[in-house]
PDB file of N, CA and C in Angstrom:
ATOM      1  N   MET A   1    -184.473 -75.819  31.574  1.00  0.00           N
ATOM      2  CA  MET A   1    -183.915 -77.164  31.525  1.00  0.00           C
ATOM      3  C   MET A   1    -182.605 -77.168  32.292  1.00  0.00           C
ATOM      4  N   LYS A   2    -182.457 -78.190  33.108  1.00  0.00           N
ATOM      5  CA  LYS A   2    -181.231 -78.282  33.879  1.00  0.00           C
ATOM      6  C   LYS A   2    -180.842 -79.753  34.046  1.00  0.00           C
ATOM      7  N   LEU A   3    -179.567 -80.048  33.754  1.00  0.00           N
ATOM      8  CA  LEU A   3    -179.068 -81.410  33.962  1.00  0.00           C
ATOM      9  C   LEU A   3    -178.974 -81.703  35.452  1.00  0.00           C
ATOM     10  N   LYS A   4    -179.226 -82.945  35.807  1.00  0.00           N
ATOM     11  CA  LYS A   4    -178.994 -83.345  37.190  1.00  0.00           C
ATOM     12  C   LYS A   4    -177.505 -83.244  37.479  1.00  0.00           C
ATOM     13  N   LYS A   5    -177.160 -82.952  38.705  1.00  0.00           N
ATOM     14  CA  LYS A   5    -175.762 -82.711  39.090  1.00  0.00           C
ATOM     15  C   LYS A   5    -174.863 -83.927  38.885  1.00  0.00           C
ATOM     16  N   ASN A   6    -175.390 -85.125  39.097  1.00  0.00           N
ATOM     17  CA  ASN A   6    -174.548 -86.317  39.083  1.00  0.00           C
ATOM     18  C   ASN A   6    -174.358 -86.928  37.695  1.00  0.00           C
ATOM     19  N   ILE A   7    -174.889 -86.309  36.658  1.00  0.00           N
ATOM     20  CA  ILE A   7    -174.797 -86.850  35.305  1.00  0.00           C
ATOM     21  C   ILE A   7    -173.394 -86.636  34.749  1.00  0.00           C
ATOM     22  N   ALA A   8    -172.810 -87.720  34.268  1.00  0.00           N
ATOM     23  CA  ALA A   8    -171.476 -87.643  33.652  1.00  0.00           C
ATOM     24  C   ALA A   8    -171.638 -87.632  32.134  1.00  0.00           C
ATOM     25  N   THR A   9    -170.873 -86.774  31.481  1.00  0.00           N
ATOM     26  CA  THR A   9    -170.966 -86.674  30.024  1.00  0.00           C
ATOM     27  C   THR A   9    -169.571 -86.584  29.413  1.00  0.00           C
ATOM     28  N   SER A  10    -169.530 -86.859  28.115  1.00  0.00           N
ATOM     29  CA  SER A  10    -168.290 -86.659  27.364  1.00  0.00           C
ATOM     30  C   SER A  10    -168.611 -85.793  26.160  1.00  0.00           C
ATOM     31  N   GLY A  11    -167.602 -85.192  25.588  1.00  0.00           N
ATOM     32  CA  GLY A  11    -167.781 -84.363  24.404  1.00  0.00           C
ATOM     33  C   GLY A  11    -168.220 -85.134  23.182  1.00  0.00           C
ATOM     34  N   GLU A  12    -168.077 -86.448  23.224  1.00  0.00           N
ATOM     35  CA  GLU A  12    -168.445 -87.290  22.094  1.00  0.00           C
ATOM     36  C   GLU A  12    -169.897 -87.748  22.149  1.00  0.00           C
ATOM     37  N   GLY A  13    -170.631 -87.338  23.188  1.00  0.00           N
ATOM     38  CA  GLY A  13    -172.040 -87.679  23.259  1.00  0.00           C
ATOM     39  C   GLY A  13    -172.391 -88.815  24.184  1.00  0.00           C
ATOM     40  N   PHE A  14    -171.453 -89.270  25.005  1.00  0.00           N
ATOM     41  CA  PHE A  14    -171.730 -90.332  25.981  1.00  0.00           C
ATOM     42  C   PHE A  14    -172.319 -89.695  27.234  1.00  0.00           C
ATOM     43  N   ILE A  15    -173.419 -90.259  27.720  1.00  0.00           N
ATOM     44  CA  ILE A  15    -174.094 -89.757  28.920  1.00  0.00           C
ATOM     45  C   ILE A  15    -174.247 -90.915  29.887  1.00  0.00           C
ATOM     46  N   PHE A  16    -173.860 -90.707  31.139  1.00  0.00           N
ATOM     47  CA  PHE A  16    -173.975 -91.752  32.166  1.00  0.00           C
ATOM     48  C   PHE A  16    -174.718 -91.200  33.369  1.00  0.00           C
ATOM     49  N   ASN A  17    -175.726 -91.930  33.799  1.00  0.00           N
ATOM     50  CA  ASN A  17    -176.483 -91.566  34.982  1.00  0.00           C
ATOM     51  C   ASN A  17    -176.120 -92.537  36.099  1.00  0.00           C
ATOM     52  N   PRO A  18    -175.248 -92.132  37.027  1.00  0.00           N
ATOM     53  CA  PRO A  18    -174.833 -93.045  38.093  1.00  0.00           C
ATOM     54  C   PRO A  18    -175.961 -93.399  39.058  1.00  0.00           C
ATOM     55  N   GLY A  19    -177.004 -92.586  39.089  1.00  0.00           N
ATOM     56  CA  GLY A  19    -178.141 -92.883  39.950  1.00  0.00           C
ATOM     57  C   GLY A  19    -178.916 -94.110  39.512  1.00  0.00           C
ATOM     58  N   THR A  20    -178.970 -94.326  38.199  1.00  0.00           N
ATOM     59  CA  THR A  20    -179.694 -95.481  37.662  1.00  0.00           C
ATOM     60  C   THR A  20    -178.761 -96.529  37.070  1.00  0.00           C
ATOM     61  N   GLY A  21    -177.518 -96.133  36.786  1.00  0.00           N
ATOM     62  CA  GLY A  21    -176.575 -97.041  36.136  1.00  0.00           C
ATOM     63  C   GLY A  21    -176.737 -97.087  34.627  1.00  0.00           C
ATOM     64  N   ASP A  22    -177.633 -96.269  34.089  1.00  0.00           N
ATOM     65  CA  ASP A  22    -177.883 -96.260  32.646  1.00  0.00           C
ATOM     66  C   ASP A  22    -176.883 -95.378  31.919  1.00  0.00           C
ATOM     67  N   SER A  23    -176.571 -95.775  30.698  1.00  0.00           N
ATOM     68  CA  SER A  23    -175.711 -94.955  29.848  1.00  0.00           C
ATOM     69  C   SER A  23    -176.375 -94.821  28.485  1.00  0.00           C
ATOM     70  N   PHE A  24    -176.078 -93.715  27.836  1.00  0.00           N
ATOM     71  CA  PHE A  24    -176.691 -93.381  26.565  1.00  0.00           C
ATOM     72  C   PHE A  24    -175.655 -92.744  25.658  1.00  0.00           C
ATOM     73  N   SER A  25    -175.940 -92.772  24.373  1.00  0.00           N
ATOM     74  CA  SER A  25    -175.120 -92.060  23.395  1.00  0.00           C
ATOM     75  C   SER A  25    -176.031 -91.153  22.592  1.00  0.00           C
ATOM     76  N   THR A  26    -175.488 -90.026  22.170  1.00  0.00           N
ATOM     77  CA  THR A  26    -176.241 -89.100  21.345  1.00  0.00           C
ATOM     78  C   THR A  26    -175.372 -88.654  20.179  1.00  0.00           C
ATOM     79  N   ASN A  27    -175.995 -88.014  19.210  1.00  0.00           N
ATOM     80  CA  ASN A  27    -175.227 -87.550  18.056  1.00  0.00           C
ATOM     81  C   ASN A  27    -174.504 -86.239  18.385  1.00  0.00           C
ATOM     82  N   GLU A  28    -173.854 -85.666  17.394  1.00  0.00           N
ATOM     83  CA  GLU A  28    -173.043 -84.458  17.585  1.00  0.00           C
ATOM     84  C   GLU A  28    -173.858 -83.287  18.127  1.00  0.00           C
ATOM     85  N   ILE A  29    -175.039 -83.075  17.568  1.00  0.00           N
ATOM     86  CA  ILE A  29    -175.860 -81.956  18.017  1.00  0.00           C
ATOM     87  C   ILE A  29    -176.375 -82.217  19.434  1.00  0.00           C
ATOM     88  N   GLY A  30    -176.761 -83.445  19.717  1.00  0.00           N
ATOM     89  CA  GLY A  30    -177.180 -83.795  21.073  1.00  0.00           C
ATOM     90  C   GLY A  30    -176.067 -83.554  22.075  1.00  0.00           C
ATOM     91  N   ALA A  31    -174.838 -83.894  21.691  1.00  0.00           N
ATOM     92  CA  ALA A  31    -173.687 -83.667  22.570  1.00  0.00           C
ATOM     93  C   ALA A  31    -173.481 -82.170  22.822  1.00  0.00           C
ATOM     94  N   GLU A  32    -173.675 -81.361  21.772  1.00  0.00           N
ATOM     95  CA  GLU A  32    -173.547 -79.911  21.940  1.00  0.00           C
ATOM     96  C   GLU A  32    -174.628 -79.377  22.878  1.00  0.00           C
ATOM     97  N   ILE A  33    -175.841 -79.882  22.734  1.00  0.00           N
ATOM     98  CA  ILE A  33    -176.933 -79.446  23.603  1.00  0.00           C
ATOM     99  C   ILE A  33    -176.618 -79.803  25.050  1.00  0.00           C
ATOM    100  N   ILE A  34    -176.125 -81.017  25.279  1.00  0.00           N
ATOM    101  CA  ILE A  34    -175.768 -81.442  26.637  1.00  0.00           C
ATOM    102  C   ILE A  34    -174.688 -80.514  27.208  1.00  0.00           C
ATOM    103  N   THR A  35    -173.685 -80.188  26.404  1.00  0.00           N
ATOM    104  CA  THR A  35    -172.621 -79.275  26.848  1.00  0.00           C
ATOM    105  C   THR A  35    -173.201 -77.913  27.217  1.00  0.00           C
ATOM    106  N   LEU A  36    -174.104 -77.407  26.391  1.00  0.00           N
ATOM    107  CA  LEU A  36    -174.721 -76.109  26.669  1.00  0.00           C
ATOM    108  C   LEU A  36    -175.591 -76.165  27.919  1.00  0.00           C
ATOM    109  N   LEU A  37    -176.256 -77.286  28.144  1.00  0.00           N
ATOM    110  CA  LEU A  37    -177.039 -77.442  29.375  1.00  0.00           C
ATOM    111  C   LEU A  37    -176.124 -77.457  30.597  1.00  0.00           C
ATOM    112  N   LYS A  38    -174.963 -78.089  30.477  1.00  0.00           N
ATOM    113  CA  LYS A  38    -174.002 -78.092  31.581  1.00  0.00           C
ATOM    114  C   LYS A  38    -173.517 -76.683  31.884  1.00  0.00           C
ATOM    115  N   GLU A  39    -173.474 -75.845  30.861  1.00  0.00           N
ATOM    116  CA  GLU A  39    -173.080 -74.448  31.027  1.00  0.00           C
ATOM    117  C   GLU A  39    -174.259 -73.589  31.482  1.00  0.00           C
ATOM    118  N   GLU A  40    -175.396 -74.236  31.751  1.00  0.00           N
ATOM    119  CA  GLU A  40    -176.620 -73.592  32.225  1.00  0.00           C
ATOM    120  C   GLU A  40    -177.149 -72.529  31.262  1.00  0.00           C
ATOM    121  N   LYS A  41    -177.029 -72.809  29.963  1.00  0.00           N
ATOM    122  CA  LYS A  41    -177.601 -71.927  28.945  1.00  0.00           C
ATOM    123  C   LYS A  41    -179.111 -72.100  28.929  1.00  0.00           C
ATOM    124  N   SER A  42    -179.815 -71.031  28.609  1.00  0.00           N
ATOM    125  CA  SER A  42    -181.273 -71.080  28.516  1.00  0.00           C
ATOM    126  C   SER A  42    -181.692 -71.729  27.200  1.00  0.00           C
ATOM    127  N   VAL A  43    -182.975 -72.071  27.110  1.00  0.00           N
ATOM    128  CA  VAL A  43    -183.514 -72.636  25.869  1.00  0.00           C
ATOM    129  C   VAL A  43    -183.317 -71.643  24.727  1.00  0.00           C
ATOM    130  N   ALA A  44    -183.556 -70.369  24.993  1.00  0.00           N
ATOM    131  CA  ALA A  44    -183.381 -69.345  23.954  1.00  0.00           C
ATOM    132  C   ALA A  44    -181.923 -69.272  23.485  1.00  0.00           C
ATOM    133  N   GLU A  45    -180.987 -69.340  24.428  1.00  0.00           N
ATOM    134  CA  GLU A  45    -179.560 -69.292  24.061  1.00  0.00           C
ATOM    135  C   GLU A  45    -179.165 -70.527  23.260  1.00  0.00           C
ATOM    136  N   ILE A  46    -179.624 -71.687  23.693  1.00  0.00           N
ATOM    137  CA  ILE A  46    -179.311 -72.930  22.972  1.00  0.00           C
ATOM    138  C   ILE A  46    -179.888 -72.867  21.568  1.00  0.00           C
ATOM    139  N   THR A  47    -181.131 -72.410  21.456  1.00  0.00           N
ATOM    140  CA  THR A  47    -181.780 -72.298  20.147  1.00  0.00           C
ATOM    141  C   THR A  47    -180.998 -71.374  19.234  1.00  0.00           C
ATOM    142  N   GLN A  48    -180.596 -70.229  19.743  1.00  0.00           N
ATOM    143  CA  GLN A  48    -179.853 -69.270  18.936  1.00  0.00           C
ATOM    144  C   GLN A  48    -178.515 -69.842  18.485  1.00  0.00           C
ATOM    145  N   LEU A  49    -177.781 -70.461  19.405  1.00  0.00           N
ATOM    146  CA  LEU A  49    -176.460 -70.995  19.073  1.00  0.00           C
ATOM    147  C   LEU A  49    -176.538 -72.141  18.060  1.00  0.00           C
ATOM    148  N   ILE A  50    -177.417 -73.094  18.304  1.00  0.00           N
ATOM    149  CA  ILE A  50    -177.487 -74.266  17.425  1.00  0.00           C
ATOM    150  C   ILE A  50    -178.118 -73.925  16.074  1.00  0.00           C
ATOM    151  N   SER A  51    -179.210 -73.159  16.085  1.00  0.00           N
ATOM    152  CA  SER A  51    -179.851 -72.834  14.806  1.00  0.00           C
ATOM    153  C   SER A  51    -178.943 -71.963  13.941  1.00  0.00           C
ATOM    154  N   GLY A  52    -178.138 -71.113  14.562  1.00  0.00           N
ATOM    155  CA  GLY A  52    -177.192 -70.306  13.800  1.00  0.00           C
ATOM    156  C   GLY A  52    -176.045 -71.117  13.242  1.00  0.00           C
ATOM    157  N   LYS A  53    -175.539 -72.033  14.048  1.00  0.00           N
ATOM    158  CA  LYS A  53    -174.400 -72.845  13.621  1.00  0.00           C
ATOM    159  C   LYS A  53    -174.774 -73.799  12.497  1.00  0.00           C
ATOM    160  N   TYR A  54    -175.952 -74.386  12.572  1.00  0.00           N
ATOM    161  CA  TYR A  54    -176.350 -75.400  11.592  1.00  0.00           C
ATOM    162  C   TYR A  54    -177.354 -74.888  10.572  1.00  0.00           C
ATOM    163  N   ASP A  55    -177.638 -73.581  10.576  1.00  0.00           N
ATOM    164  CA  ASP A  55    -178.547 -72.967   9.613  1.00  0.00           C
ATOM    165  C   ASP A  55    -179.871 -73.728   9.539  1.00  0.00           C
ATOM    166  N   VAL A  56    -180.479 -73.890  10.698  1.00  0.00           N
ATOM    167  CA  VAL A  56    -181.775 -74.551  10.790  1.00  0.00           C
ATOM    168  C   VAL A  56    -182.783 -73.538  11.315  1.00  0.00           C
ATOM    169  N   ASP A  57    -184.033 -73.671  10.914  1.00  0.00           N
ATOM    170  CA  ASP A  57    -185.093 -72.781  11.368  1.00  0.00           C
ATOM    171  C   ASP A  57    -185.230 -72.855  12.885  1.00  0.00           C
ATOM    172  N   ALA A  58    -185.210 -71.702  13.538  1.00  0.00           N
ATOM    173  CA  ALA A  58    -185.225 -71.642  15.002  1.00  0.00           C
ATOM    174  C   ALA A  58    -186.477 -72.275  15.595  1.00  0.00           C
ATOM    175  N   SER A  59    -187.639 -72.046  14.991  1.00  0.00           N
ATOM    176  CA  SER A  59    -188.865 -72.632  15.551  1.00  0.00           C
ATOM    177  C   SER A  59    -188.873 -74.144  15.395  1.00  0.00           C
ATOM    178  N   GLN A  60    -188.358 -74.653  14.290  1.00  0.00           N
ATOM    179  CA  GLN A  60    -188.260 -76.111  14.119  1.00  0.00           C
ATOM    180  C   GLN A  60    -187.271 -76.692  15.122  1.00  0.00           C
ATOM    181  N   PHE A  61    -186.164 -75.994  15.325  1.00  0.00           N
ATOM    182  CA  PHE A  61    -185.187 -76.488  16.301  1.00  0.00           C
ATOM    183  C   PHE A  61    -185.782 -76.508  17.707  1.00  0.00           C
ATOM    184  N   GLU A  62    -186.561 -75.484  18.068  1.00  0.00           N
ATOM    185  CA  GLU A  62    -187.181 -75.466  19.396  1.00  0.00           C
ATOM    186  C   GLU A  62    -188.085 -76.677  19.588  1.00  0.00           C
ATOM    187  N   ASN A  63    -188.832 -77.044  18.549  1.00  0.00           N
ATOM    188  CA  ASN A  63    -189.672 -78.244  18.627  1.00  0.00           C
ATOM    189  C   ASN A  63    -188.816 -79.488  18.840  1.00  0.00           C
ATOM    190  N   ASP A  64    -187.726 -79.582  18.093  1.00  0.00           N
ATOM    191  CA  ASP A  64    -186.824 -80.724  18.238  1.00  0.00           C
ATOM    192  C   ASP A  64    -186.178 -80.737  19.624  1.00  0.00           C
ATOM    193  N   LEU A  65    -185.830 -79.556  20.134  1.00  0.00           N
ATOM    194  CA  LEU A  65    -185.234 -79.453  21.462  1.00  0.00           C
ATOM    195  C   LEU A  65    -186.234 -79.896  22.534  1.00  0.00           C
ATOM    196  N   ASP A  66    -187.489 -79.534  22.366  1.00  0.00           N
ATOM    197  CA  ASP A  66    -188.526 -79.982  23.303  1.00  0.00           C
ATOM    198  C   ASP A  66    -188.627 -81.508  23.314  1.00  0.00           C
ATOM    199  N   ASP A  67    -188.575 -82.115  22.126  1.00  0.00           N
ATOM    200  CA  ASP A  67    -188.622 -83.583  22.035  1.00  0.00           C
ATOM    201  C   ASP A  67    -187.408 -84.215  22.708  1.00  0.00           C
ATOM    202  N   PHE A  68    -186.223 -83.628  22.466  1.00  0.00           N
ATOM    203  CA  PHE A  68    -184.995 -84.142  23.068  1.00  0.00           C
ATOM    204  C   PHE A  68    -185.058 -84.015  24.585  1.00  0.00           C
ATOM    205  N   ALA A  69    -185.563 -82.876  25.065  1.00  0.00           N
ATOM    206  CA  ALA A  69    -185.688 -82.655  26.509  1.00  0.00           C
ATOM    207  C   ALA A  69    -186.647 -83.672  27.128  1.00  0.00           C
ATOM    208  N   ALA A  70    -187.721 -83.988  26.441  1.00  0.00           N
ATOM    209  CA  ALA A  70    -188.679 -84.985  26.947  1.00  0.00           C
ATOM    210  C   ALA A  70    -188.002 -86.347  27.092  1.00  0.00           C
ATOM    211  N   GLN A  71    -187.161 -86.705  26.129  1.00  0.00           N
ATOM    212  CA  GLN A  71    -186.427 -87.965  26.222  1.00  0.00           C
ATOM    213  C   GLN A  71    -185.453 -87.940  27.397  1.00  0.00           C
ATOM    214  N   LEU A  72    -184.760 -86.823  27.580  1.00  0.00           N
ATOM    215  CA  LEU A  72    -183.828 -86.701  28.698  1.00  0.00           C
ATOM    216  C   LEU A  72    -184.559 -86.813  30.036  1.00  0.00           C
ATOM    217  N   LYS A  73    -185.741 -86.239  30.125  1.00  0.00           N
ATOM    218  CA  LYS A  73    -186.542 -86.345  31.353  1.00  0.00           C
ATOM    219  C   LYS A  73    -186.969 -87.786  31.588  1.00  0.00           C
ATOM    220  N   ASP A  74    -187.393 -88.458  30.515  1.00  0.00           N
ATOM    221  CA  ASP A  74    -187.809 -89.866  30.634  1.00  0.00           C
ATOM    222  C   ASP A  74    -186.683 -90.740  31.179  1.00  0.00           C
ATOM    223  N   TYR A  75    -185.445 -90.393  30.840  1.00  0.00           N
ATOM    224  CA  TYR A  75    -184.287 -91.171  31.283  1.00  0.00           C
ATOM    225  C   TYR A  75    -183.640 -90.599  32.535  1.00  0.00           C
ATOM    226  N   SER A  76    -184.331 -89.683  33.200  1.00  0.00           N
ATOM    227  CA  SER A  76    -183.873 -89.076  34.462  1.00  0.00           C
ATOM    228  C   SER A  76    -182.534 -88.361  34.326  1.00  0.00           C
ATOM    229  N   ILE A  77    -182.341 -87.701  33.188  1.00  0.00           N
ATOM    230  CA  ILE A  77    -181.128 -86.921  32.946  1.00  0.00           C
ATOM    231  C   ILE A  77    -181.331 -85.467  33.366  1.00  0.00           C
ATOM    232  N   LEU A  78    -182.558 -84.969  33.205  1.00  0.00           N
ATOM    233  CA  LEU A  78    -182.885 -83.597  33.574  1.00  0.00           C
ATOM    234  C   LEU A  78    -183.586 -83.565  34.924  1.00  0.00           C
ATOM    235  N   GLU A  79    -183.416 -82.442  35.628  1.00  0.00           N
ATOM    236  CA  GLU A  79    -184.138 -82.243  36.891  1.00  0.00           C
ATOM    237  C   GLU A  79    -185.586 -81.948  36.609  1.00  0.00           C
TER     238      GLU A  79
END
């Protein structure tokens, strides 16, 4: 998973796609995932960091991450 280069984000979960003019908001965990994607972390690294921090089952989180990634792709946020 990789964010498109032109995507603007904030630590509070605001996402702006200047290519389409669309903006989105996400919750705290979504904002953390976006930050980790900007740091070019792998899916495995993101899963380990988030599931450890929030004490959530890693396999369940991976499923949720896949769903979140699908939404980001639908909105042209991911390459």
